[in-house]
Amino acid sequence: MQKTTRQKLESTRGQWVFDGDQYVIFNLALGGAYPAGHNQVEEPYWGLPQSSVDRIAQGGVRAEVDWVEVEQKT
């Protein structure tokens, strides 16, 4: 882990850009072998039941995030 300060960053890298809005990006990937047919995989990802694979293939399935916790270190 690397820590820096605003003063050090601005003296070596330029303008501080972290005072504006920040966004969290979620990777909601299902697994390495899903979907079947990619990466020479012939079977769906083993962690998903076939009924889930079928529903995803039909479309209309969505992933929901229940909550996110963000902490600010001072």
PDB file of N, CA and C in Angstrom:
ATOM      1  N   MET A   1       0.843  -1.179   0.000  1.00  0.00           N
ATOM      2  CA  MET A   1       0.000   0.000   0.000  1.00  0.00           C
ATOM      3  C   MET A   1       0.888   1.243   0.000  1.00  0.00           C
ATOM      4  N   GLN A   2       0.443   2.218  -0.740  1.00  0.00           N
ATOM      5  CA  GLN A   2       1.194   3.467  -0.810  1.00  0.00           C
ATOM      6  C   GLN A   2       0.295   4.609  -0.365  1.00  0.00           C
ATOM      7  N   LYS A   3       0.822   5.474   0.471  1.00  0.00           N
ATOM      8  CA  LYS A   3       0.083   6.656   0.913  1.00  0.00           C
ATOM      9  C   LYS A   3       0.812   7.889   0.418  1.00  0.00           C
ATOM     10  N   THR A   4       0.044   8.930   0.157  1.00  0.00           N
ATOM     11  CA  THR A   4       0.643  10.195  -0.260  1.00  0.00           C
ATOM     12  C   THR A   4      -0.161  11.334   0.341  1.00  0.00           C
ATOM     13  N   THR A   5       0.341  12.519   0.220  1.00  0.00           N
ATOM     14  CA  THR A   5      -0.373  13.701   0.690  1.00  0.00           C
ATOM     15  C   THR A   5      -0.717  14.567  -0.510  1.00  0.00           C
ATOM     16  N   ARG A   6      -1.642  15.454  -0.295  1.00  0.00           N
ATOM     17  CA  ARG A   6      -2.011  16.377  -1.364  1.00  0.00           C
ATOM     18  C   ARG A   6      -0.793  17.203  -1.792  1.00  0.00           C
ATOM     19  N   GLN A   7      -0.056  17.705  -0.806  1.00  0.00           N
ATOM     20  CA  GLN A   7       1.116  18.542  -1.104  1.00  0.00           C
ATOM     21  C   GLN A   7       2.154  17.763  -1.924  1.00  0.00           C
ATOM     22  N   LYS A   8       2.437  16.540  -1.541  1.00  0.00           N
ATOM     23  CA  LYS A   8       3.421  15.749  -2.262  1.00  0.00           C
ATOM     24  C   LYS A   8       2.944  15.430  -3.679  1.00  0.00           C
ATOM     25  N   LEU A   9       1.671  15.070  -3.800  1.00  0.00           N
ATOM     26  CA  LEU A   9       1.137  14.751  -5.119  1.00  0.00           C
ATOM     27  C   LEU A   9       1.183  15.959  -6.047  1.00  0.00           C
ATOM     28  N   GLU A  10       0.755  17.112  -5.535  1.00  0.00           N
ATOM     29  CA  GLU A  10       0.740  18.304  -6.385  1.00  0.00           C
ATOM     30  C   GLU A  10       2.158  18.737  -6.776  1.00  0.00           C
ATOM     31  N   SER A  11       3.121  18.507  -5.910  1.00  0.00           N
ATOM     32  CA  SER A  11       4.493  18.912  -6.239  1.00  0.00           C
ATOM     33  C   SER A  11       5.154  17.981  -7.247  1.00  0.00           C
ATOM     34  N   THR A  12       4.631  16.763  -7.382  1.00  0.00           N
ATOM     35  CA  THR A  12       5.255  15.807  -8.302  1.00  0.00           C
ATOM     36  C   THR A  12       4.385  15.423  -9.485  1.00  0.00           C
ATOM     37  N   ARG A  13       3.064  15.516  -9.350  1.00  0.00           N
ATOM     38  CA  ARG A  13       2.165  15.015 -10.391  1.00  0.00           C
ATOM     39  C   ARG A  13       1.221  16.045 -10.985  1.00  0.00           C
ATOM     40  N   GLY A  14       1.079  17.193 -10.357  1.00  0.00           N
ATOM     41  CA  GLY A  14       0.168  18.202 -10.896  1.00  0.00           C
ATOM     42  C   GLY A  14      -1.043  18.410 -10.011  1.00  0.00           C
ATOM     43  N   GLN A  15      -2.081  18.959 -10.608  1.00  0.00           N
ATOM     44  CA  GLN A  15      -3.270  19.388  -9.881  1.00  0.00           C
ATOM     45  C   GLN A  15      -3.953  18.238  -9.138  1.00  0.00           C
ATOM     46  N   TRP A  16      -4.403  18.518  -7.919  1.00  0.00           N
ATOM     47  CA  TRP A  16      -5.170  17.588  -7.100  1.00  0.00           C
ATOM     48  C   TRP A  16      -6.579  17.505  -7.674  1.00  0.00           C
ATOM     49  N   VAL A  17      -7.054  16.315  -7.949  1.00  0.00           N
ATOM     50  CA  VAL A  17      -8.359  16.164  -8.606  1.00  0.00           C
ATOM     51  C   VAL A  17      -9.396  15.461  -7.736  1.00  0.00           C
ATOM     52  N   PHE A  18      -9.088  15.267  -6.445  1.00  0.00           N
ATOM     53  CA  PHE A  18      -9.946  14.441  -5.613  1.00  0.00           C
ATOM     54  C   PHE A  18     -10.959  15.213  -4.776  1.00  0.00           C
ATOM     55  N   ASP A  19     -11.147  16.507  -5.042  1.00  0.00           N
ATOM     56  CA  ASP A  19     -12.146  17.269  -4.309  1.00  0.00           C
ATOM     57  C   ASP A  19     -13.519  17.205  -4.962  1.00  0.00           C
ATOM     58  N   GLY A  20     -13.580  16.730  -6.182  1.00  0.00           N
ATOM     59  CA  GLY A  20     -14.852  16.630  -6.892  1.00  0.00           C
ATOM     60  C   GLY A  20     -15.586  15.352  -6.547  1.00  0.00           C
ATOM     61  N   ASP A  21     -16.683  15.118  -7.235  1.00  0.00           N
ATOM     62  CA  ASP A  21     -17.474  13.909  -7.031  1.00  0.00           C
ATOM     63  C   ASP A  21     -16.639  12.665  -7.311  1.00  0.00           C
ATOM     64  N   GLN A  22     -16.853  11.642  -6.519  1.00  0.00           N
ATOM     65  CA  GLN A  22     -16.181  10.358  -6.691  1.00  0.00           C
ATOM     66  C   GLN A  22     -17.249   9.302  -6.949  1.00  0.00           C
ATOM     67  N   TYR A  23     -16.891   8.271  -7.686  1.00  0.00           N
ATOM     68  CA  TYR A  23     -17.838   7.228  -8.035  1.00  0.00           C
ATOM     69  C   TYR A  23     -17.244   5.865  -7.730  1.00  0.00           C
ATOM     70  N   VAL A  24     -18.094   4.942  -7.334  1.00  0.00           N
ATOM     71  CA  VAL A  24     -17.681   3.569  -7.087  1.00  0.00           C
ATOM     72  C   VAL A  24     -18.122   2.741  -8.291  1.00  0.00           C
ATOM     73  N   ILE A  25     -17.225   1.938  -8.819  1.00  0.00           N
ATOM     74  CA  ILE A  25     -17.538   1.068  -9.952  1.00  0.00           C
ATOM     75  C   ILE A  25     -17.605  -0.367  -9.446  1.00  0.00           C
ATOM     76  N   PHE A  26     -18.694  -1.049  -9.706  1.00  0.00           N
ATOM     77  CA  PHE A  26     -18.878  -2.423  -9.268  1.00  0.00           C
ATOM     78  C   PHE A  26     -18.662  -3.375 -10.433  1.00  0.00           C
ATOM     79  N   ASN A  27     -17.908  -4.429 -10.183  1.00  0.00           N
ATOM     80  CA  ASN A  27     -17.761  -5.498 -11.152  1.00  0.00           C
ATOM     81  C   ASN A  27     -18.670  -6.626 -10.682  1.00  0.00           C
ATOM     82  N   LEU A  28     -19.755  -6.851 -11.389  1.00  0.00           N
ATOM     83  CA  LEU A  28     -20.724  -7.866 -10.998  1.00  0.00           C
ATOM     84  C   LEU A  28     -20.588  -9.114 -11.874  1.00  0.00           C
ATOM     85  N   ALA A  29     -19.359  -9.448 -12.233  1.00  0.00           N
ATOM     86  CA  ALA A  29     -19.105 -10.623 -13.069  1.00  0.00           C
ATOM     87  C   ALA A  29     -19.577 -11.886 -12.371  1.00  0.00           C
ATOM     88  N   LEU A  30     -20.017 -12.850 -13.158  1.00  0.00           N
ATOM     89  CA  LEU A  30     -20.548 -14.093 -12.610  1.00  0.00           C
ATOM     90  C   LEU A  30     -19.490 -15.168 -12.430  1.00  0.00           C
ATOM     91  N   GLY A  31     -18.442 -15.145 -13.185  1.00  0.00           N
ATOM     92  CA  GLY A  31     -17.416 -16.173 -13.046  1.00  0.00           C
ATOM     93  C   GLY A  31     -16.567 -16.288 -14.295  1.00  0.00           C
ATOM     94  N   GLY A  32     -15.460 -16.977 -14.171  1.00  0.00           N
ATOM     95  CA  GLY A  32     -14.483 -17.048 -15.248  1.00  0.00           C
ATOM     96  C   GLY A  32     -14.908 -17.831 -16.471  1.00  0.00           C
ATOM     97  N   ALA A  33     -15.735 -18.839 -16.318  1.00  0.00           N
ATOM     98  CA  ALA A  33     -16.092 -19.681 -17.450  1.00  0.00           C
ATOM     99  C   ALA A  33     -17.455 -19.341 -18.045  1.00  0.00           C
ATOM    100  N   TYR A  34     -18.203 -18.479 -17.403  1.00  0.00           N
ATOM    101  CA  TYR A  34     -19.533 -18.127 -17.904  1.00  0.00           C
ATOM    102  C   TYR A  34     -19.418 -16.974 -18.873  1.00  0.00           C
ATOM    103  N   PRO A  35     -20.148 -16.878 -19.936  1.00  0.00           N
ATOM    104  CA  PRO A  35     -21.147 -17.833 -20.412  1.00  0.00           C
ATOM    105  C   PRO A  35     -20.507 -18.928 -21.257  1.00  0.00           C
ATOM    106  N   ALA A  36     -21.217 -20.004 -21.418  1.00  0.00           N
ATOM    107  CA  ALA A  36     -20.719 -21.125 -22.216  1.00  0.00           C
ATOM    108  C   ALA A  36     -20.449 -20.661 -23.638  1.00  0.00           C
ATOM    109  N   GLY A  37     -19.414 -21.202 -24.249  1.00  0.00           N
ATOM    110  CA  GLY A  37     -19.087 -20.843 -25.623  1.00  0.00           C
ATOM    111  C   GLY A  37     -17.932 -19.862 -25.720  1.00  0.00           C
ATOM    112  N   HIS A  38     -17.575 -19.214 -24.629  1.00  0.00           N
ATOM    113  CA  HIS A  38     -16.444 -18.296 -24.624  1.00  0.00           C
ATOM    114  C   HIS A  38     -15.242 -19.000 -24.019  1.00  0.00           C
ATOM    115  N   ASN A  39     -14.066 -18.650 -24.445  1.00  0.00           N
ATOM    116  CA  ASN A  39     -12.824 -19.219 -23.915  1.00  0.00           C
ATOM    117  C   ASN A  39     -12.773 -20.741 -24.043  1.00  0.00           C
ATOM    118  N   GLN A  40     -13.329 -21.271 -25.115  1.00  0.00           N
ATOM    119  CA  GLN A  40     -13.366 -22.714 -25.380  1.00  0.00           C
ATOM    120  C   GLN A  40     -14.110 -23.497 -24.294  1.00  0.00           C
ATOM    121  N   VAL A  41     -15.032 -22.858 -23.597  1.00  0.00           N
ATOM    122  CA  VAL A  41     -15.815 -23.523 -22.557  1.00  0.00           C
ATOM    123  C   VAL A  41     -17.066 -24.109 -23.193  1.00  0.00           C
ATOM    124  N   GLU A  42     -17.349 -25.360 -22.888  1.00  0.00           N
ATOM    125  CA  GLU A  42     -18.529 -26.012 -23.455  1.00  0.00           C
ATOM    126  C   GLU A  42     -19.676 -26.128 -22.460  1.00  0.00           C
ATOM    127  N   GLU A  43     -19.391 -25.939 -21.180  1.00  0.00           N
ATOM    128  CA  GLU A  43     -20.408 -26.024 -20.130  1.00  0.00           C
ATOM    129  C   GLU A  43     -20.530 -24.667 -19.440  1.00  0.00           C
ATOM    130  N   PRO A  44     -21.715 -24.316 -18.956  1.00  0.00           N
ATOM    131  CA  PRO A  44     -21.843 -23.073 -18.186  1.00  0.00           C
ATOM    132  C   PRO A  44     -20.991 -23.111 -16.924  1.00  0.00           C
ATOM    133  N   TYR A  45     -20.743 -21.953 -16.357  1.00  0.00           N
ATOM    134  CA  TYR A  45     -19.973 -21.831 -15.128  1.00  0.00           C
ATOM    135  C   TYR A  45     -20.552 -22.751 -14.060  1.00  0.00           C
ATOM    136  N   TRP A  46     -19.728 -23.563 -13.454  1.00  0.00           N
ATOM    137  CA  TRP A  46     -20.186 -24.608 -12.519  1.00  0.00           C
ATOM    138  C   TRP A  46     -20.905 -24.065 -11.301  1.00  0.00           C
ATOM    139  N   GLY A  47     -20.678 -22.803 -10.947  1.00  0.00           N
ATOM    140  CA  GLY A  47     -21.294 -22.241  -9.754  1.00  0.00           C
ATOM    141  C   GLY A  47     -22.727 -21.795  -9.945  1.00  0.00           C
ATOM    142  N   LEU A  48     -23.214 -21.785 -11.172  1.00  0.00           N
ATOM    143  CA  LEU A  48     -24.589 -21.361 -11.424  1.00  0.00           C
ATOM    144  C   LEU A  48     -25.456 -22.561 -11.761  1.00  0.00           C
ATOM    145  N   PRO A  49     -26.628 -22.672 -11.156  1.00  0.00           N
ATOM    146  CA  PRO A  49     -27.540 -23.745 -11.553  1.00  0.00           C
ATOM    147  C   PRO A  49     -28.050 -23.492 -12.975  1.00  0.00           C
ATOM    148  N   GLN A  50     -28.386 -24.552 -13.670  1.00  0.00           N
ATOM    149  CA  GLN A  50     -28.845 -24.418 -15.058  1.00  0.00           C
ATOM    150  C   GLN A  50     -30.050 -23.493 -15.163  1.00  0.00           C
ATOM    151  N   SER A  51     -30.921 -23.500 -14.166  1.00  0.00           N
ATOM    152  CA  SER A  51     -32.102 -22.622 -14.219  1.00  0.00           C
ATOM    153  C   SER A  51     -31.686 -21.150 -14.247  1.00  0.00           C
ATOM    154  N   SER A  52     -30.624 -20.799 -13.520  1.00  0.00           N
ATOM    155  CA  SER A  52     -30.131 -19.416 -13.543  1.00  0.00           C
ATOM    156  C   SER A  52     -29.522 -19.078 -14.893  1.00  0.00           C
ATOM    157  N   VAL A  53     -28.753 -19.990 -15.450  1.00  0.00           N
ATOM    158  CA  VAL A  53     -28.165 -19.781 -16.771  1.00  0.00           C
ATOM    159  C   VAL A  53     -29.263 -19.556 -17.802  1.00  0.00           C
ATOM    160  N   ASP A  54     -30.318 -20.348 -17.722  1.00  0.00           N
ATOM    161  CA  ASP A  54     -31.430 -20.211 -18.668  1.00  0.00           C
ATOM    162  C   ASP A  54     -32.112 -18.858 -18.527  1.00  0.00           C
ATOM    163  N   ARG A  55     -32.329 -18.406 -17.293  1.00  0.00           N
ATOM    164  CA  ARG A  55     -32.979 -17.105 -17.086  1.00  0.00           C
ATOM    165  C   ARG A  55     -32.111 -15.965 -17.596  1.00  0.00           C
ATOM    166  N   ILE A  56     -30.803 -16.049 -17.379  1.00  0.00           N
ATOM    167  CA  ILE A  56     -29.892 -15.015 -17.874  1.00  0.00           C
ATOM    168  C   ILE A  56     -29.920 -14.985 -19.392  1.00  0.00           C
ATOM    169  N   ALA A  57     -29.908 -16.154 -20.015  1.00  0.00           N
ATOM    170  CA  ALA A  57     -29.920 -16.242 -21.478  1.00  0.00           C
ATOM    171  C   ALA A  57     -31.197 -15.641 -22.064  1.00  0.00           C
ATOM    172  N   GLN A  58     -32.302 -15.721 -21.344  1.00  0.00           N
ATOM    173  CA  GLN A  58     -33.571 -15.174 -21.814  1.00  0.00           C
ATOM    174  C   GLN A  58     -33.637 -13.656 -21.677  1.00  0.00           C
ATOM    175  N   GLY A  59     -32.748 -13.080 -20.900  1.00  0.00           N
ATOM    176  CA  GLY A  59     -32.747 -11.635 -20.686  1.00  0.00           C
ATOM    177  C   GLY A  59     -33.698 -11.238 -19.569  1.00  0.00           C
ATOM    178  N   GLY A  60     -33.631  -9.974 -19.206  1.00  0.00           N
ATOM    179  CA  GLY A  60     -34.520  -9.465 -18.178  1.00  0.00           C
ATOM    180  C   GLY A  60     -34.055  -9.732 -16.755  1.00  0.00           C
ATOM    181  N   VAL A  61     -32.910 -10.374 -16.596  1.00  0.00           N
ATOM    182  CA  VAL A  61     -32.373 -10.631 -15.264  1.00  0.00           C
ATOM    183  C   VAL A  61     -31.523  -9.430 -14.860  1.00  0.00           C
ATOM    184  N   ARG A  62     -31.598  -9.046 -13.603  1.00  0.00           N
ATOM    185  CA  ARG A  62     -30.801  -7.912 -13.150  1.00  0.00           C
ATOM    186  C   ARG A  62     -30.120  -8.243 -11.828  1.00  0.00           C
ATOM    187  N   ALA A  63     -29.016  -7.607 -11.598  1.00  0.00           N
ATOM    188  CA  ALA A  63     -28.290  -7.756 -10.339  1.00  0.00           C
ATOM    189  C   ALA A  63     -28.562  -6.516  -9.502  1.00  0.00           C
ATOM    190  N   GLU A  64     -28.784  -6.706  -8.225  1.00  0.00           N
ATOM    191  CA  GLU A  64     -29.053  -5.590  -7.331  1.00  0.00           C
ATOM    192  C   GLU A  64     -28.022  -5.572  -6.207  1.00  0.00           C
ATOM    193  N   VAL A  65     -27.569  -4.391  -5.839  1.00  0.00           N
ATOM    194  CA  VAL A  65     -26.643  -4.215  -4.734  1.00  0.00           C
ATOM    195  C   VAL A  65     -27.457  -3.723  -3.547  1.00  0.00           C
ATOM    196  N   ASP A  66     -27.372  -4.444  -2.442  1.00  0.00           N
ATOM    197  CA  ASP A  66     -28.173  -4.124  -1.259  1.00  0.00           C
ATOM    198  C   ASP A  66     -27.620  -2.900  -0.536  1.00  0.00           C
ATOM    199  N   TRP A  67     -26.315  -2.858  -0.286  1.00  0.00           N
ATOM    200  CA  TRP A  67     -25.720  -1.714   0.390  1.00  0.00           C
ATOM    201  C   TRP A  67     -24.228  -1.662   0.127  1.00  0.00           C
ATOM    202  N   VAL A  68     -23.665  -0.490   0.304  1.00  0.00           N
ATOM    203  CA  VAL A  68     -22.228  -0.266   0.135  1.00  0.00           C
ATOM    204  C   VAL A  68     -21.772   0.592   1.302  1.00  0.00           C
ATOM    205  N   GLU A  69     -20.632   0.253   1.858  1.00  0.00           N
ATOM    206  CA  GLU A  69     -20.075   1.054   2.943  1.00  0.00           C
ATOM    207  C   GLU A  69     -18.787   1.698   2.452  1.00  0.00           C
ATOM    208  N   VAL A  70     -18.689   2.999   2.627  1.00  0.00           N
ATOM    209  CA  VAL A  70     -17.494   3.744   2.232  1.00  0.00           C
ATOM    210  C   VAL A  70     -16.938   4.417   3.471  1.00  0.00           C
ATOM    211  N   GLU A  71     -15.653   4.241   3.681  1.00  0.00           N
ATOM    212  CA  GLU A  71     -15.014   4.857   4.832  1.00  0.00           C
ATOM    213  C   GLU A  71     -13.976   5.855   4.365  1.00  0.00           C
ATOM    214  N   GLN A  72     -13.841   6.926   5.099  1.00  0.00           N
ATOM    215  CA  GLN A  72     -12.831   7.926   4.787  1.00  0.00           C
ATOM    216  C   GLN A  72     -11.773   7.900   5.879  1.00  0.00           C
ATOM    217  N   LYS A  73     -10.556   7.655   5.486  1.00  0.00           N
ATOM    218  CA  LYS A  73      -9.463   7.668   6.455  1.00  0.00           C
ATOM    219  C   LYS A  73      -8.944   9.095   6.576  1.00  0.00           C
ATOM    220  N   THR A  74      -8.748   9.524   7.790  1.00  0.00           N
ATOM    221  CA  THR A  74      -8.256  10.892   7.990  1.00  0.00           C
ATOM    222  C   THR A  74      -6.894  10.897   8.606  1.00  0.00           C
TER     223      THR A  74
END
